[in-house]
Protein backbone atom coordinates (compact mmCIF):
# COMPACT_ATOMS: atom_id res chain seq x y z
CA MET A 1 4.57 19.41 -15.68
CA GLY A 2 3.24 16.22 -14.05
CA ARG A 3 2.78 15.66 -10.36
CA THR A 4 5.29 13.72 -8.31
CA ALA A 5 4.55 10.03 -7.87
CA THR A 6 5.32 7.94 -4.78
CA THR A 7 5.87 4.19 -5.12
CA VAL A 8 5.66 2.08 -1.95
CA SER A 9 7.47 -1.28 -1.67
CA VAL A 10 7.66 -3.96 0.97
CA LYS A 11 10.65 -6.17 1.77
CA SER A 12 9.82 -9.31 3.71
CA PRO A 13 11.54 -12.66 4.28
CA ILE A 14 8.13 -14.40 4.25
CA ALA A 15 4.91 -14.19 2.24
CA LEU A 16 2.40 -11.61 3.49
CA ARG A 17 -1.34 -12.11 3.63
CA ALA A 18 -2.16 -8.40 4.09
CA LEU A 19 -0.61 -4.97 4.47
CA ARG A 20 -1.76 -1.89 6.36
CA LEU A 21 -0.01 1.45 6.44
CA GLU A 22 -0.58 5.09 7.17
CA LEU A 23 0.97 7.80 5.00
CA ARG A 24 1.41 11.51 5.62
CA GLY A 25 1.23 13.82 2.62
CA GLU A 26 -0.97 15.35 -0.05
CA ALA A 27 -4.31 13.65 0.50
CA ASP A 28 -6.48 16.20 -1.31
CA SER A 29 -6.41 14.70 -4.83
CA THR A 30 -4.85 11.27 -4.64
CA SER A 31 -4.70 8.75 -7.45
CA LEU A 32 -3.95 5.34 -5.93
CA GLU A 33 -2.85 2.39 -8.10
CA CYS A 34 -2.38 -1.12 -6.69
CA LEU A 35 0.61 -2.65 -8.53
CA LEU A 36 -0.35 -6.22 -7.64
CA GLY A 37 -2.90 -6.52 -10.46
CA ASP A 38 -6.19 -8.21 -9.68
CA ARG A 39 -4.68 -10.55 -7.05
CA LEU A 40 -5.27 -8.24 -4.08
CA ASN A 41 -7.51 -5.25 -3.41
CA ALA A 42 -6.43 -1.86 -2.07
CA TYR A 43 -8.74 0.06 0.27
CA TYR A 44 -8.01 3.52 1.59
CA GLY A 45 -9.46 6.39 3.51
CA ARG A 46 -8.32 9.92 4.09
CA THR A 47 -7.10 11.05 7.52
CA ASN A 48 -6.40 14.59 8.75
CA THR A 49 -2.79 14.34 7.57
CA GLY A 50 -2.80 11.80 4.72
CA LEU A 51 -4.07 8.31 3.96
CA ARG A 52 -4.68 5.01 5.74
CA ILE A 53 -4.32 2.07 3.32
CA GLY A 54 -5.06 -1.64 3.51
CA ILE A 55 -4.21 -4.28 0.89
CA ILE A 56 -5.76 -7.72 1.19
CA ASP A 57 -7.35 -10.56 -0.75
CA ILE A 58 -10.87 -10.72 0.67
CA ASP A 59 -11.16 -14.38 -0.37
CA GLY A 60 -7.94 -15.21 1.52
CA GLY A 61 -6.22 -17.19 -1.23
CA GLU A 62 -3.56 -14.75 -2.45
CA THR A 63 -0.42 -13.46 -0.79
CA ILE A 64 2.40 -11.05 -1.51
CA ALA A 65 5.47 -13.20 -2.17
CA ALA A 66 8.55 -13.02 0.03
CA GLY A 67 11.22 -10.63 -1.21
CA THR A 68 10.96 -7.02 -2.34
CA THR A 69 7.68 -6.07 -4.01
CA ALA A 70 6.45 -2.68 -5.21
CA PHE A 71 2.76 -2.73 -4.36
CA LEU A 72 1.38 0.81 -4.53
CA ARG A 73 1.77 3.99 -6.59
CA LEU A 74 0.23 7.33 -5.56
CA THR A 75 0.29 10.83 -6.99
CA GLY A 76 1.94 13.35 -4.69
CA GLU A 77 4.67 13.09 -2.10
CA TYR A 78 4.15 10.90 0.98
CA GLU A 79 6.06 9.48 3.89
CA ILE A 80 5.19 6.35 5.86
CA VAL A 81 3.92 7.15 9.36
CA SER A 82 3.13 3.60 10.50
CA HIS A 83 3.15 0.17 8.91
CA PRO A 84 1.74 -2.60 11.08
CA TRP A 85 1.21 -5.63 8.88
CA SER A 86 -0.08 -9.17 9.05
CA MET A 87 2.33 -11.94 8.13
CA LEU A 88 1.79 -15.50 7.04
CA ASN A 89 3.47 -17.97 9.38
């Protein structure tokens, strides 16, 4: 039997230049997949209770389009603890 997967999406009325979020859950053996292809990079680090994740284009040219976008898939079950994010004005 396979492990549970968590998919994280964002819904925004404007394009986003970056995302940052903190998740609580099974951080011991996480497989993290950025669903945005090669356009943006996902960086993460483990915390005492889960993961802290940032998604950004280091070169600054790409954004996450306005609307609803699935951007991350992880193995295990997680819940969002915080989600401060940077928006493009």
